[in-house]
PDB file of N, CA and C in Angstrom:
ATOM      1  N   MET A   1       2.004 -14.708  38.870  1.00  0.00           N
ATOM      2  CA  MET A   1       2.056 -16.132  39.118  1.00  0.00           C
ATOM      3  C   MET A   1       3.490 -16.628  38.972  1.00  0.00           C
ATOM      4  N   GLU A   2       3.817 -17.615  39.721  1.00  0.00           N
ATOM      5  CA  GLU A   2       5.160 -18.170  39.686  1.00  0.00           C
ATOM      6  C   GLU A   2       5.445 -18.768  38.314  1.00  0.00           C
ATOM      7  N   GLY A   3       6.658 -18.498  37.774  1.00  0.00           N
ATOM      8  CA  GLY A   3       7.055 -19.067  36.505  1.00  0.00           C
ATOM      9  C   GLY A   3       6.600 -18.276  35.299  1.00  0.00           C
ATOM     10  N   GLN A   4       5.778 -17.235  35.498  1.00  0.00           N
ATOM     11  CA  GLN A   4       5.337 -16.434  34.376  1.00  0.00           C
ATOM     12  C   GLN A   4       6.046 -15.096  34.388  1.00  0.00           C
ATOM     13  N   LYS A   5       6.400 -14.638  33.203  1.00  0.00           N
ATOM     14  CA  LYS A   5       7.083 -13.377  33.050  1.00  0.00           C
ATOM     15  C   LYS A   5       6.096 -12.233  33.246  1.00  0.00           C
ATOM     16  N   GLN A   6       6.495 -11.220  33.991  1.00  0.00           N
ATOM     17  CA  GLN A   6       5.671 -10.027  34.143  1.00  0.00           C
ATOM     18  C   GLN A   6       5.748  -9.214  32.868  1.00  0.00           C
ATOM     19  N   MET A   7       4.616  -8.742  32.369  1.00  0.00           N
ATOM     20  CA  MET A   7       4.616  -7.887  31.207  1.00  0.00           C
ATOM     21  C   MET A   7       5.069  -6.507  31.657  1.00  0.00           C
ATOM     22  N   THR A   8       6.105  -5.996  31.001  1.00  0.00           N
ATOM     23  CA  THR A   8       6.729  -4.766  31.455  1.00  0.00           C
ATOM     24  C   THR A   8       6.290  -3.537  30.660  1.00  0.00           C
ATOM     25  N   HIS A   9       5.632  -3.718  29.540  1.00  0.00           N
ATOM     26  CA  HIS A   9       5.204  -2.606  28.707  1.00  0.00           C
ATOM     27  C   HIS A   9       3.683  -2.577  28.629  1.00  0.00           C
ATOM     28  N   ALA A  10       3.165  -1.429  28.278  1.00  0.00           N
ATOM     29  CA  ALA A  10       1.713  -1.281  28.144  1.00  0.00           C
ATOM     30  C   ALA A  10       1.293  -1.506  26.691  1.00  0.00           C
ATOM     31  N   TYR A  11       0.063  -1.904  26.514  1.00  0.00           N
ATOM     32  CA  TYR A  11      -0.528  -2.078  25.195  1.00  0.00           C
ATOM     33  C   TYR A  11      -0.521  -0.740  24.479  1.00  0.00           C
ATOM     34  N   PRO A  12      -0.148  -0.631  23.218  1.00  0.00           N
ATOM     35  CA  PRO A  12       0.094  -1.697  22.246  1.00  0.00           C
ATOM     36  C   PRO A  12       1.544  -2.148  22.139  1.00  0.00           C
ATOM     37  N   ASP A  13       2.399  -1.718  23.041  1.00  0.00           N
ATOM     38  CA  ASP A  13       3.799  -2.162  23.005  1.00  0.00           C
ATOM     39  C   ASP A  13       3.965  -3.568  23.568  1.00  0.00           C
ATOM     40  N   ALA A  14       2.938  -4.085  24.176  1.00  0.00           N
ATOM     41  CA  ALA A  14       2.907  -5.440  24.706  1.00  0.00           C
ATOM     42  C   ALA A  14       1.511  -5.997  24.468  1.00  0.00           C
ATOM     43  N   PRO A  15       1.363  -7.317  24.436  1.00  0.00           N
ATOM     44  CA  PRO A  15       0.043  -7.911  24.228  1.00  0.00           C
ATOM     45  C   PRO A  15      -0.954  -7.440  25.289  1.00  0.00           C
ATOM     46  N   GLY A  16      -2.160  -7.199  24.856  1.00  0.00           N
ATOM     47  CA  GLY A  16      -3.200  -6.755  25.778  1.00  0.00           C
ATOM     48  C   GLY A  16      -4.235  -7.831  26.024  1.00  0.00           C
ATOM     49  N   PHE A  17      -5.097  -7.560  26.976  1.00  0.00           N
ATOM     50  CA  PHE A  17      -6.211  -8.466  27.274  1.00  0.00           C
ATOM     51  C   PHE A  17      -7.329  -7.635  27.872  1.00  0.00           C
ATOM     52  N   LYS A  18      -8.562  -8.079  27.642  1.00  0.00           N
ATOM     53  CA  LYS A  18      -9.721  -7.325  28.118  1.00  0.00           C
ATOM     54  C   LYS A  18     -10.259  -7.855  29.432  1.00  0.00           C
ATOM     55  N   THR A  19     -10.065  -9.133  29.671  1.00  0.00           N
ATOM     56  CA  THR A  19     -10.595  -9.733  30.888  1.00  0.00           C
ATOM     57  C   THR A  19      -9.580 -10.688  31.502  1.00  0.00           C
ATOM     58  N   GLU A  20      -9.745 -10.942  32.775  1.00  0.00           N
ATOM     59  CA  GLU A  20      -8.929 -11.949  33.459  1.00  0.00           C
ATOM     60  C   GLU A  20      -9.277 -13.314  32.875  1.00  0.00           C
ATOM     61  N   GLY A  21      -8.400 -14.261  33.033  1.00  0.00           N
ATOM     62  CA  GLY A  21      -8.672 -15.618  32.575  1.00  0.00           C
ATOM     63  C   GLY A  21      -7.860 -15.960  31.352  1.00  0.00           C
ATOM     64  N   THR A  22      -8.505 -16.616  30.383  1.00  0.00           N
ATOM     65  CA  THR A  22      -7.764 -17.126  29.233  1.00  0.00           C
ATOM     66  C   THR A  22      -7.146 -16.009  28.393  1.00  0.00           C
ATOM     67  N   SER A  23      -7.813 -14.871  28.269  1.00  0.00           N
ATOM     68  CA  SER A  23      -7.273 -13.759  27.492  1.00  0.00           C
ATOM     69  C   SER A  23      -5.976 -13.247  28.114  1.00  0.00           C
ATOM     70  N   LYS A  24      -5.978 -13.068  29.427  1.00  0.00           N
ATOM     71  CA  LYS A  24      -4.783 -12.607  30.125  1.00  0.00           C
ATOM     72  C   LYS A  24      -3.688 -13.666  30.048  1.00  0.00           C
ATOM     73  N   GLU A  25      -4.060 -14.923  30.189  1.00  0.00           N
ATOM     74  CA  GLU A  25      -3.091 -16.018  30.115  1.00  0.00           C
ATOM     75  C   GLU A  25      -2.430 -16.057  28.732  1.00  0.00           C
ATOM     76  N   ALA A  26      -3.224 -15.878  27.676  1.00  0.00           N
ATOM     77  CA  ALA A  26      -2.678 -15.871  26.317  1.00  0.00           C
ATOM     78  C   ALA A  26      -1.729 -14.697  26.119  1.00  0.00           C
ATOM     79  N   ALA A  27      -2.084 -13.519  26.642  1.00  0.00           N
ATOM     80  CA  ALA A  27      -1.229 -12.335  26.525  1.00  0.00           C
ATOM     81  C   ALA A  27       0.108 -12.579  27.220  1.00  0.00           C
ATOM     82  N   ARG A  28       0.065 -13.162  28.398  1.00  0.00           N
ATOM     83  CA  ARG A  28       1.314 -13.446  29.121  1.00  0.00           C
ATOM     84  C   ARG A  28       2.167 -14.484  28.397  1.00  0.00           C
ATOM     85  N   LYS A  29       1.513 -15.468  27.803  1.00  0.00           N
ATOM     86  CA  LYS A  29       2.252 -16.530  27.128  1.00  0.00           C
ATOM     87  C   LYS A  29       2.956 -16.006  25.871  1.00  0.00           C
ATOM     88  N   ILE A  30       2.301 -15.115  25.117  1.00  0.00           N
ATOM     89  CA  ILE A  30       2.883 -14.610  23.879  1.00  0.00           C
ATOM     90  C   ILE A  30       3.848 -13.451  24.138  1.00  0.00           C
ATOM     91  N   ASP A  31       3.773 -12.835  25.295  1.00  0.00           N
ATOM     92  CA  ASP A  31       4.567 -11.633  25.590  1.00  0.00           C
ATOM     93  C   ASP A  31       6.053 -11.757  25.253  1.00  0.00           C
ATOM     94  N   PRO A  32       6.736 -12.848  25.610  1.00  0.00           N
ATOM     95  CA  PRO A  32       8.167 -12.924  25.296  1.00  0.00           C
ATOM     96  C   PRO A  32       8.462 -12.939  23.790  1.00  0.00           C
ATOM     97  N   HIS A  33       7.469 -13.285  22.984  1.00  0.00           N
ATOM     98  CA  HIS A  33       7.651 -13.426  21.541  1.00  0.00           C
ATOM     99  C   HIS A  33       6.971 -12.318  20.742  1.00  0.00           C
ATOM    100  N   ALA A  34       6.125 -11.525  21.388  1.00  0.00           N
ATOM    101  CA  ALA A  34       5.294 -10.557  20.671  1.00  0.00           C
ATOM    102  C   ALA A  34       6.109  -9.522  19.917  1.00  0.00           C
ATOM    103  N   ASN A  35       7.149  -9.001  20.518  1.00  0.00           N
ATOM    104  CA  ASN A  35       7.931  -7.973  19.838  1.00  0.00           C
ATOM    105  C   ASN A  35       8.586  -8.528  18.581  1.00  0.00           C
ATOM    106  N   THR A  36       9.129  -9.736  18.677  1.00  0.00           N
ATOM    107  CA  THR A  36       9.741 -10.362  17.506  1.00  0.00           C
ATOM    108  C   THR A  36       8.700 -10.589  16.418  1.00  0.00           C
ATOM    109  N   LEU A  37       7.544 -11.130  16.792  1.00  0.00           N
ATOM    110  CA  LEU A  37       6.476 -11.354  15.813  1.00  0.00           C
ATOM    111  C   LEU A  37       6.010 -10.043  15.200  1.00  0.00           C
ATOM    112  N   ARG A  38       5.877  -9.020  16.036  1.00  0.00           N
ATOM    113  CA  ARG A  38       5.438  -7.700  15.568  1.00  0.00           C
ATOM    114  C   ARG A  38       6.419  -7.141  14.537  1.00  0.00           C
ATOM    115  N   GLU A  39       7.711  -7.218  14.843  1.00  0.00           N
ATOM    116  CA  GLU A  39       8.733  -6.684  13.938  1.00  0.00           C
ATOM    117  C   GLU A  39       8.825  -7.504  12.648  1.00  0.00           C
ATOM    118  N   LEU A  40       8.688  -8.817  12.748  1.00  0.00           N
ATOM    119  CA  LEU A  40       8.698  -9.659  11.553  1.00  0.00           C
ATOM    120  C   LEU A  40       7.457  -9.400  10.694  1.00  0.00           C
ATOM    121  N   ALA A  41       6.314  -9.190  11.335  1.00  0.00           N
ATOM    122  CA  ALA A  41       5.093  -8.865  10.594  1.00  0.00           C
ATOM    123  C   ALA A  41       5.257  -7.532   9.868  1.00  0.00           C
ATOM    124  N   TYR A  42       5.831  -6.552  10.551  1.00  0.00           N
ATOM    125  CA  TYR A  42       6.076  -5.245   9.932  1.00  0.00           C
ATOM    126  C   TYR A  42       7.006  -5.399   8.727  1.00  0.00           C
ATOM    127  N   ALA A  43       8.089  -6.149   8.887  1.00  0.00           N
ATOM    128  CA  ALA A  43       9.029  -6.366   7.791  1.00  0.00           C
ATOM    129  C   ALA A  43       8.355  -7.081   6.623  1.00  0.00           C
ATOM    130  N   THR A  44       7.508  -8.050   6.927  1.00  0.00           N
ATOM    131  CA  THR A  44       6.793  -8.793   5.887  1.00  0.00           C
ATOM    132  C   THR A  44       5.894  -7.855   5.097  1.00  0.00           C
ATOM    133  N   ILE A  45       5.151  -7.014   5.784  1.00  0.00           N
ATOM    134  CA  ILE A  45       4.269  -6.056   5.110  1.00  0.00           C
ATOM    135  C   ILE A  45       5.099  -5.056   4.302  1.00  0.00           C
ATOM    136  N   SER A  46       6.207  -4.614   4.857  1.00  0.00           N
ATOM    137  CA  SER A  46       7.021  -3.600   4.184  1.00  0.00           C
ATOM    138  C   SER A  46       7.615  -4.110   2.875  1.00  0.00           C
ATOM    139  N   HIS A  47       7.751  -5.422   2.727  1.00  0.00           N
ATOM    140  CA  HIS A  47       8.308  -6.001   1.509  1.00  0.00           C
ATOM    141  C   HIS A  47       7.245  -6.340   0.471  1.00  0.00           C
ATOM    142  N   SER A  48       6.000  -5.940   0.713  1.00  0.00           N
ATOM    143  CA  SER A  48       4.927  -6.218  -0.237  1.00  0.00           C
ATOM    144  C   SER A  48       4.391  -4.909  -0.797  1.00  0.00           C
ATOM    145  N   SER A  49       4.571  -4.710  -2.087  1.00  0.00           N
ATOM    146  CA  SER A  49       4.096  -3.468  -2.707  1.00  0.00           C
ATOM    147  C   SER A  49       2.574  -3.409  -2.779  1.00  0.00           C
ATOM    148  N   ALA A  50       1.910  -4.551  -2.718  1.00  0.00           N
ATOM    149  CA  ALA A  50       0.447  -4.596  -2.805  1.00  0.00           C
ATOM    150  C   ALA A  50      -0.230  -4.629  -1.437  1.00  0.00           C
ATOM    151  N   GLY A  51       0.562  -4.605  -0.351  1.00  0.00           N
ATOM    152  CA  GLY A  51      -0.007  -4.746   0.980  1.00  0.00           C
ATOM    153  C   GLY A  51      -0.401  -6.190   1.232  1.00  0.00           C
ATOM    154  N   LEU A  52      -0.743  -6.490   2.475  1.00  0.00           N
ATOM    155  CA  LEU A  52      -1.082  -7.857   2.851  1.00  0.00           C
ATOM    156  C   LEU A  52      -2.217  -7.884   3.861  1.00  0.00           C
ATOM    157  N   THR A  53      -3.002  -8.948   3.822  1.00  0.00           N
ATOM    158  CA  THR A  53      -3.995  -9.200   4.866  1.00  0.00           C
ATOM    159  C   THR A  53      -3.297  -9.907   6.024  1.00  0.00           C
ATOM    160  N   ALA A  54      -3.963 -10.004   7.145  1.00  0.00           N
ATOM    161  CA  ALA A  54      -3.396 -10.721   8.292  1.00  0.00           C
ATOM    162  C   ALA A  54      -3.106 -12.175   7.934  1.00  0.00           C
ATOM    163  N   ASP A  55      -4.013 -12.804   7.195  1.00  0.00           N
ATOM    164  CA  ASP A  55      -3.802 -14.196   6.788  1.00  0.00           C
ATOM    165  C   ASP A  55      -2.573 -14.325   5.895  1.00  0.00           C
ATOM    166  N   GLU A  56      -2.401 -13.364   4.985  1.00  0.00           N
ATOM    167  CA  GLU A  56      -1.253 -13.405   4.085  1.00  0.00           C
ATOM    168  C   GLU A  56       0.055 -13.217   4.855  1.00  0.00           C
ATOM    169  N   VAL A  57       0.049 -12.312   5.825  1.00  0.00           N
ATOM    170  CA  VAL A  57       1.230 -12.110   6.664  1.00  0.00           C
ATOM    171  C   VAL A  57       1.545 -13.395   7.411  1.00  0.00           C
ATOM    172  N   ALA A  58       0.534 -13.986   8.037  1.00  0.00           N
ATOM    173  CA  ALA A  58       0.730 -15.218   8.808  1.00  0.00           C
ATOM    174  C   ALA A  58       1.288 -16.334   7.928  1.00  0.00           C
ATOM    175  N   THR A  59       0.744 -16.495   6.736  1.00  0.00           N
ATOM    176  CA  THR A  59       1.205 -17.541   5.817  1.00  0.00           C
ATOM    177  C   THR A  59       2.661 -17.318   5.436  1.00  0.00           C
ATOM    178  N   ARG A  60       3.008 -16.088   5.088  1.00  0.00           N
ATOM    179  CA  ARG A  60       4.393 -15.795   4.697  1.00  0.00           C
ATOM    180  C   ARG A  60       5.367 -16.006   5.858  1.00  0.00           C
ATOM    181  N   MET A  61       4.900 -15.785   7.068  1.00  0.00           N
ATOM    182  CA  MET A  61       5.754 -15.952   8.241  1.00  0.00           C
ATOM    183  C   MET A  61       5.756 -17.379   8.779  1.00  0.00           C
ATOM    184  N   GLY A  62       4.830 -18.211   8.312  1.00  0.00           N
ATOM    185  CA  GLY A  62       4.719 -19.568   8.841  1.00  0.00           C
ATOM    186  C   GLY A  62       4.144 -19.589  10.246  1.00  0.00           C
ATOM    187  N   GLU A  63       3.284 -18.612  10.539  1.00  0.00           N
ATOM    188  CA  GLU A  63       2.652 -18.486  11.856  1.00  0.00           C
ATOM    189  C   GLU A  63       1.146 -18.628  11.709  1.00  0.00           C
ATOM    190  N   THR A  64       0.454 -18.769  12.820  1.00  0.00           N
ATOM    191  CA  THR A  64      -1.000 -18.792  12.774  1.00  0.00           C
ATOM    192  C   THR A  64      -1.522 -17.360  12.731  1.00  0.00           C
ATOM    193  N   VAL A  65      -2.670 -17.202  12.127  1.00  0.00           N
ATOM    194  CA  VAL A  65      -3.284 -15.877  12.088  1.00  0.00           C
ATOM    195  C   VAL A  65      -3.650 -15.416  13.501  1.00  0.00           C
ATOM    196  N   LEU A  66      -3.856 -16.361  14.410  1.00  0.00           N
ATOM    197  CA  LEU A  66      -4.174 -16.004  15.796  1.00  0.00           C
ATOM    198  C   LEU A  66      -2.976 -15.364  16.499  1.00  0.00           C
ATOM    199  N   ALA A  67      -1.770 -15.683  16.059  1.00  0.00           N
ATOM    200  CA  ALA A  67      -0.582 -15.048  16.615  1.00  0.00           C
ATOM    201  C   ALA A  67      -0.299 -13.717  15.935  1.00  0.00           C
ATOM    202  N   ILE A  68      -0.713 -13.570  14.673  1.00  0.00           N
ATOM    203  CA  ILE A  68      -0.363 -12.394  13.882  1.00  0.00           C
ATOM    204  C   ILE A  68      -1.418 -11.289  13.930  1.00  0.00           C
ATOM    205  N   ARG A  69      -2.676 -11.629  13.900  1.00  0.00           N
ATOM    206  CA  ARG A  69      -3.718 -10.588  13.868  1.00  0.00           C
ATOM    207  C   ARG A  69      -3.576  -9.586  15.017  1.00  0.00           C
ATOM    208  N   PRO A  70      -3.334 -10.021  16.249  1.00  0.00           N
ATOM    209  CA  PRO A  70      -3.149  -9.032  17.329  1.00  0.00           C
ATOM    210  C   PRO A  70      -1.905  -8.170  17.140  1.00  0.00           C
ATOM    211  N   ARG A  71      -0.857  -8.743  16.532  1.00  0.00           N
ATOM    212  CA  ARG A  71       0.357  -7.952  16.294  1.00  0.00           C
ATOM    213  C   ARG A  71       0.076  -6.836  15.288  1.00  0.00           C
ATOM    214  N   LEU A  72      -0.814  -7.095  14.307  1.00  0.00           N
ATOM    215  CA  LEU A  72      -1.176  -6.060  13.345  1.00  0.00           C
ATOM    216  C   LEU A  72      -1.983  -4.956  14.025  1.00  0.00           C
ATOM    217  N   THR A  73      -2.842  -5.320  14.943  1.00  0.00           N
ATOM    218  CA  THR A  73      -3.579  -4.302  15.707  1.00  0.00           C
ATOM    219  C   THR A  73      -2.607  -3.451  16.504  1.00  0.00           C
ATOM    220  N   GLU A  74      -1.620  -4.082  17.115  1.00  0.00           N
ATOM    221  CA  GLU A  74      -0.604  -3.332  17.870  1.00  0.00           C
ATOM    222  C   GLU A  74       0.172  -2.388  16.952  1.00  0.00           C
ATOM    223  N   LEU A  75       0.531  -2.869  15.754  1.00  0.00           N
ATOM    224  CA  LEU A  75       1.237  -2.019  14.792  1.00  0.00           C
ATOM    225  C   LEU A  75       0.361  -0.860  14.331  1.00  0.00           C
ATOM    226  N   LYS A  76      -0.924  -1.127  14.136  1.00  0.00           N
ATOM    227  CA  LYS A  76      -1.860  -0.066  13.740  1.00  0.00           C
ATOM    228  C   LYS A  76      -1.947   0.994  14.831  1.00  0.00           C
ATOM    229  N   LEU A  77      -2.115   0.573  16.064  1.00  0.00           N
ATOM    230  CA  LEU A  77      -2.240   1.522  17.177  1.00  0.00           C
ATOM    231  C   LEU A  77      -0.950   2.310  17.410  1.00  0.00           C
ATOM    232  N   ALA A  78       0.180   1.720  17.038  1.00  0.00           N
ATOM    233  CA  ALA A  78       1.460   2.415  17.146  1.00  0.00           C
ATOM    234  C   ALA A  78       1.703   3.351  15.958  1.00  0.00           C
ATOM    235  N   GLY A  79       0.781   3.349  14.990  1.00  0.00           N
ATOM    236  CA  GLY A  79       0.903   4.225  13.831  1.00  0.00           C
ATOM    237  C   GLY A  79       1.885   3.745  12.789  1.00  0.00           C
ATOM    238  N   ARG A  80       2.223   2.459  12.817  1.00  0.00           N
ATOM    239  CA  ARG A  80       3.236   1.930  11.889  1.00  0.00           C
ATOM    240  C   ARG A  80       2.648   1.307  10.635  1.00  0.00           C
ATOM    241  N   ILE A  81       1.379   0.872  10.700  1.00  0.00           N
ATOM    242  CA  ILE A  81       0.693   0.362   9.514  1.00  0.00           C
ATOM    243  C   ILE A  81      -0.690   0.979   9.442  1.00  0.00           C
ATOM    244  N   VAL A  82      -1.234   0.994   8.227  1.00  0.00           N
ATOM    245  CA  VAL A  82      -2.590   1.509   7.999  1.00  0.00           C
ATOM    246  C   VAL A  82      -3.303   0.603   7.007  1.00  0.00           C
ATOM    247  N   ARG A  83      -4.616   0.672   7.031  1.00  0.00           N
ATOM    248  CA  ARG A  83      -5.410  -0.039   6.037  1.00  0.00           C
ATOM    249  C   ARG A  83      -5.286   0.699   4.708  1.00  0.00           C
ATOM    250  N   THR A  84      -5.195  -0.065   3.627  1.00  0.00           N
ATOM    251  CA  THR A  84      -5.070   0.536   2.304  1.00  0.00           C
ATOM    252  C   THR A  84      -6.425   0.956   1.743  1.00  0.00           C
ATOM    253  N   GLY A  85      -7.496   0.443   2.312  1.00  0.00           N
ATOM    254  CA  GLY A  85      -8.827   0.646   1.760  1.00  0.00           C
ATOM    255  C   GLY A  85      -9.251  -0.516   0.881  1.00  0.00           C
ATOM    256  N   GLN A  86      -8.308  -1.380   0.547  1.00  0.00           N
ATOM    257  CA  GLN A  86      -8.614  -2.582  -0.227  1.00  0.00           C
ATOM    258  C   GLN A  86      -8.988  -3.715   0.720  1.00  0.00           C
ATOM    259  N   ARG A  87      -9.682  -4.693   0.155  1.00  0.00           N
ATOM    260  CA  ARG A  87     -10.032  -5.887   0.904  1.00  0.00           C
ATOM    261  C   ARG A  87      -9.820  -7.075  -0.016  1.00  0.00           C
ATOM    262  N   ARG A  88      -9.368  -8.192   0.585  1.00  0.00           N
ATOM    263  CA  ARG A  88      -9.185  -9.435  -0.164  1.00  0.00           C
ATOM    264  C   ARG A  88      -9.749 -10.580   0.664  1.00  0.00           C
ATOM    265  N   LYS A  89     -10.134 -11.629  -0.038  1.00  0.00           N
ATOM    266  CA  LYS A  89     -10.656 -12.825   0.637  1.00  0.00           C
ATOM    267  C   LYS A  89      -9.568 -13.456   1.484  1.00  0.00           C
ATOM    268  N   ASN A  90      -9.950 -13.832   2.713  1.00  0.00           N
ATOM    269  CA  ASN A  90      -9.003 -14.551   3.561  1.00  0.00           C
ATOM    270  C   ASN A  90      -9.304 -16.045   3.497  1.00  0.00           C
ATOM    271  N   VAL A  91      -8.633 -16.816   4.310  1.00  0.00           N
ATOM    272  CA  VAL A  91      -8.779 -18.274   4.291  1.00  0.00           C
ATOM    273  C   VAL A  91     -10.219 -18.715   4.520  1.00  0.00           C
ATOM    274  N   SER A  92     -10.954 -17.990   5.358  1.00  0.00           N
ATOM    275  CA  SER A  92     -12.336 -18.374   5.651  1.00  0.00           C
ATOM    276  C   SER A  92     -13.319 -17.879   4.597  1.00  0.00           C
ATOM    277  N   GLY A  93     -12.819 -17.169   3.568  1.00  0.00           N
ATOM    278  CA  GLY A  93     -13.681 -16.677   2.508  1.00  0.00           C
ATOM    279  C   GLY A  93     -14.265 -15.299   2.770  1.00  0.00           C
ATOM    280  N   MET A  94     -13.937 -14.726   3.905  1.00  0.00           N
ATOM    281  CA  MET A  94     -14.431 -13.387   4.246  1.00  0.00           C
ATOM    282  C   MET A  94     -13.475 -12.340   3.675  1.00  0.00           C
ATOM    283  N   ASN A  95     -13.988 -11.136   3.451  1.00  0.00           N
ATOM    284  CA  ASN A  95     -13.126 -10.034   3.017  1.00  0.00           C
ATOM    285  C   ASN A  95     -12.343  -9.507   4.192  1.00  0.00           C
ATOM    286  N   ALA A  96     -11.045  -9.337   4.004  1.00  0.00           N
ATOM    287  CA  ALA A  96     -10.163  -8.892   5.061  1.00  0.00           C
ATOM    288  C   ALA A  96      -9.438  -7.615   4.627  1.00  0.00           C
ATOM    289  N   ALA A  97      -9.148  -6.767   5.592  1.00  0.00           N
ATOM    290  CA  ALA A  97      -8.419  -5.534   5.317  1.00  0.00           C
ATOM    291  C   ALA A  97      -7.018  -5.850   4.821  1.00  0.00           C
ATOM    292  N   VAL A  98      -6.552  -5.019   3.897  1.00  0.00           N
ATOM    293  CA  VAL A  98      -5.180  -5.083   3.401  1.00  0.00           C
ATOM    294  C   VAL A  98      -4.403  -3.975   4.090  1.00  0.00           C
ATOM    295  N   TRP A  99      -3.227  -4.317   4.607  1.00  0.00           N
ATOM    296  CA  TRP A  99      -2.411  -3.399   5.387  1.00  0.00           C
ATOM    297  C   TRP A  99      -1.148  -3.011   4.630  1.00  0.00           C
ATOM    298  N   CYS A 100      -0.694  -1.785   4.835  1.00  0.00           N
ATOM    299  CA  CYS A 100       0.603  -1.341   4.313  1.00  0.00           C
ATOM    300  C   CYS A 100       1.304  -0.509   5.391  1.00  0.00           C
ATOM    301  N   CYS A 101       2.597  -0.319   5.220  1.00  0.00           N
ATOM    302  CA  CYS A 101       3.369   0.468   6.175  1.00  0.00           C
ATOM    303  C   CYS A 101       3.116   1.962   5.966  1.00  0.00           C
ATOM    304  N   THR A 102       3.223   2.729   7.032  1.00  0.00           N
ATOM    305  CA  THR A 102       3.031   4.172   6.927  1.00  0.00           C
ATOM    306  C   THR A 102       4.303   4.836   6.444  1.00  0.00           C
TER     307      THR A 102
END
């Protein structure tokens, strides 16, 4: 589409989407910022000896969890972070995975 940047990398090196429509539109919109967010999320996790949940990463970065949770999935698929096996309550009160760097 005119005015939109073409995604040049494949998932997980770039935002992914499962269906055409809003999911694809969101992936294209975040694409120019995804690498920066991904690297900042990795750095944030790497500076925590106890690991962090997606909500905790988002809070420390001043971002929404909707922008950060997919970046953690991308980092996981790239083999850069893993689940610690621990879980902590997130903002919604649900137990969330705690992540650490590999």
